[in-house]
Structure formats: C-alpha cells, structure tokens
C-alpha cells in the first residue's frame, strides 16, 4: 500500500470481473428478472476505498484535535502487489441459514486493478428471501484458520458488520514491533469492510460492489521539530531548488510519512489506555523525551502528538560529500561531528554521501540520450540529491558470476532476447537508454533480468547486496542499496566520474574514510567489484595505496560495497 501523493484525497480502485456464462455448482442461483439471463454475463465492478482515520474525540496530553482536512489526511491508496482477503457468504433465507461461497480469496492489485485467483468467479445472484454478503480485510493473511466467525452474521442486522465477522482476527492482531519501514507500517494496518451492492447507474449491465475499508487499530502520529536545509543546484543545464532534512533519531520505531511527521499503528485494547514514551534528537543533537496516551477503545482513531511545538526551521546549506546519511533518511552535516559519532547515533548511520551534483557533465538525473539512469529516475524520481556509500562492506570477497553469467555479455544477451514480458521489456529499454558504466542502479537490474531467464547463472557478488540490505534496511525515500557502477566507485576515490587515472588526487577517498571511521564503519580499502561488465570480464577498483583499477575474469574474487541514491 502506498501513501497517496495527495493525502487528503481517498482513492478508489476498480476491479472488473467477468461473470461466467454458466455458473459453477456453488454459484447455481436463479437470476432475478432484472439480472438478465445466465448467458448475459454482466459485469460486477468492485471498488475498494480507504475510509481513513478519524480524529481522536478528546485530546490528551499534547494531542491536538485534527482539523477537518487533517481528519482525512491519513487515507491511503492501494498499489501494485497489495493483497486483500475476501469472504463471500450466502444467507439462504430469513431463518439465518448461512454458508461460505468463497473463503479467503486473495485479490491482488496488478497496478491498474484487482485480480482474482485463476479459475475463480464472482457473481451476485442472491437466493429468493436471502442475500449474499461480501466481507474483506487488509492486509491479506495466508493463515486465517479460526479468525472469522460466520455465526456473527445476522441478515440485515448490526451483526452483519465486518468487525463482528473478523472479531477474532482483530483481537489477535499484533502490529509490528518496528514500523520504521513503510512495508512494516502498512503490514500492521488492519482494515475490514462489508461490501455494499448497488445496480450500475451508467446504463450498462451489472452491479457495483463497494468496500469502504475501516481501520481497526488506533494510530499514533508524532509531529517533531525539524530543520530543513535548502540549496540550489544546476543539473543538465537546469537550475533546481532542492532540500533535505536533519536527522531526528526518533526511537518510537515509527514510519516517517513526511519531513517531520511519523506514524505508528498501536495495538487496540477495549479497556486499557496505552502510554507512549519516546525521544528524539533536536537540532543540536541533544536527546529530548516526550510522552502521551492512546485512549482505550479507540479503533480507527488517530492521536496527534505535537512535540516541542513541532515547528520547521529552514536554513541554507548545500548538501556535501562527507555528510552522514541516516536510517530515517535524514542528514547529519559532517561539521556537527567533531570527533567520533556517539554510539547510539552510529547505530542509525547507514553511510556517507559520496557524490553530489553534476561531475564532468555526468549525473544520474540527466535527460539526454544515453545520459542519466533512466530506470532509477523512473522507479525513484525523488532520488535527486546524492549517492551514499555504505558504512560497511557487503562482502569481504565474492566472485562476480558463475555459470553462463561468467562468460556472456549481459547487454548483448538482453538486446537479442525475445522472451521479456511487457514489464521486463520496459525495464530493459530504460537500461538501454542509460550510459554504460556510469550508473549502477539500472545495470544492477540487468543482472536481475538475466538471472530470471538464465537460472544456470549465479551472481554471488550481486547477491551480497541483497543480504546487506536485509541487515541494513534503507529508508523508503531512497533507491535502496544497489551494486555501484564504475563511475560511482571512482567518485569515492578521485571525486571524478570519468577522466581519472592512478595519478589523480585521492582526496575524496581520504575524506570519506575519515568520516566513515567517525561513524564506526569500515574504511574503503582493497579491491571492489563494480557492476560494469563486458565479455567475461568485469571492472574492479583497488582503493589501497596509490590505487589501481582494471578488469578481471568474473571468476576472480573482490570485495563488494553497496551504494544508494536519495
């Protein structure tokens, strides 16, 4: 699930499901006269809408009642890969006899709409004197044994509400202990709904089945003071105003929704208030504590905690190579750390900024032919500020590839391969339209494409990046960790993306290593693979001594260091 770019708008997503010309046995109902014949195959249109959180009725401690706009400000929209569980129950008659027609169907969002499991059909043909009830929940769970109660449903009564049907699921629900990633936050956000069926009003056959999802847990929202730094940068001949924010170090394990607002789903309790105690770093890197209360019996309510007035301070400062990149996506300017970074802050440091701005006419956001990383900009258009080198090695030594991947030119393979699906073909086109050797995000994805279609090949060095990402998760505002390009490695040493040699200044390497030490990381030393490859060779860079670089067979062993864009 993805936060709406327009947070005060609730999004609706449509699924058009064609009904079969002949019903299966379990769907063998008699159509009412206005439903058409069994051969008419009308459309059933499903809409899924997030009902958003409501403001807490009474503020508590530092809670501030939401404005009318803010009350709608925590709506979300469903995106590709999201899954909803669906139950379909038939009420045969007024006596209350009920039976499942479908249990825990997984509706999957494919980027434009929802798809049902293969071979599954839905229909709306209620039996005479009875009805069909549709009930949905999010996020989808594979194991729903014992978590629904069909006996809680009463025809046309209050008991038909989804929260009664899913009461066991709600009671057992445990939000994630750490919700600092968007995935963990949304996976904690339990929602349920009962569908409402109505005839289409656009003149076409069929009915509309609408779900308005209701949140079942309370939401804590923390608004912290923040410092935003602004600066100007000219890339590709275009001057652009950019900004980044100061690290906050909030220890509430909450997801950063915007520059100074964090969200955390809280376990719901009927009769127990929940105390909130947390702390953050102010603009002087001083630890500040705060507390508050989530009231009992407040499912679907949000509590807004405005801490130390929650104001935003704007300052002028350009992003610099050597600034510290933190787990929450914030920055600590390098001049704020005079000696070693405090241990508790080190735990939040992911890396050091290694590339800022256009260098020798090269930048990952450029738009000209064979300029810029097209795939990176398509997938992460907000990652325009800098490249970060990880604090630690992903591997102390790994071969680049084995099997066919050790000898085949991946570009030549992709250019002649005819088996890409539409999505893969679009990925390849973005990679093809990007310069070789300059930007690692797209070239890393080429390895993934090759491995998908050539299972005889393995890429041990590439795989260490994924392992590193699991151990050191990057914020959702970044590109995520990827295998660096040739230019991204030389920028770490020489501060040059293209025209370098072993006689070039090592000032950038020495700067980065000094700051990596302050953050408790491993300095850049020894030889590292790049993602660039040709024939059965790949390019490496040795940061030791007077430096060295070249190409080696992919069966050779070198270190691996990850980078990310933000």
Foldseek 3Di string as FASTA:
>chain_A
DAQDPQQLDKDKAKDKFWADLADDPLPPADADPQQDHSRPRFIEMEIEIAPAFAADPDAWDQFDTDDPSVRSRGHGDDAAFAWKFKWKKAQQAQVRDIDTSDGRWIWGHHGRHTDTPPPDHDDFGHHVRIGMKMKMKPRRDPDCVPQFDSVQDHPPDPSNWNCNRRVSVLQPQDQDQAAQAVVSQRNSFMWMWIWDWDADDPPGRYIYTYTHIFTFFEKEKEQAEWEKAWDWAAAQNRIDIDIFIAFKAKPSSFYDPDRGMTMHTDRAAAQDKDKDKIWIADPLRDIDIDIIIDGHPRGSHYTYRYPPNSHYHYHYDADDFFWWQFQNRHTDGNVSQPFADPPSRLVGTFFTFLDFGAFPNAAQPHDDFQGHQQLLCVVQVLLRGTKTWGQEFLFQKDFFKDDPVLFDDLLVCVVPDDPDDPVVVVLNVSLVRHHAQQFFPSLLVSVVVCCVVPVRMDGVLFVSQVVVCVVRPHYPNWSGKGFGGNQSVVSQAQVHRPPDDLPGHRVNLVSRQNSSVSSVGDRQAAKEWGSGDDGSWGKIKGNPDSIDIDIDGSRGMHITIIMITD
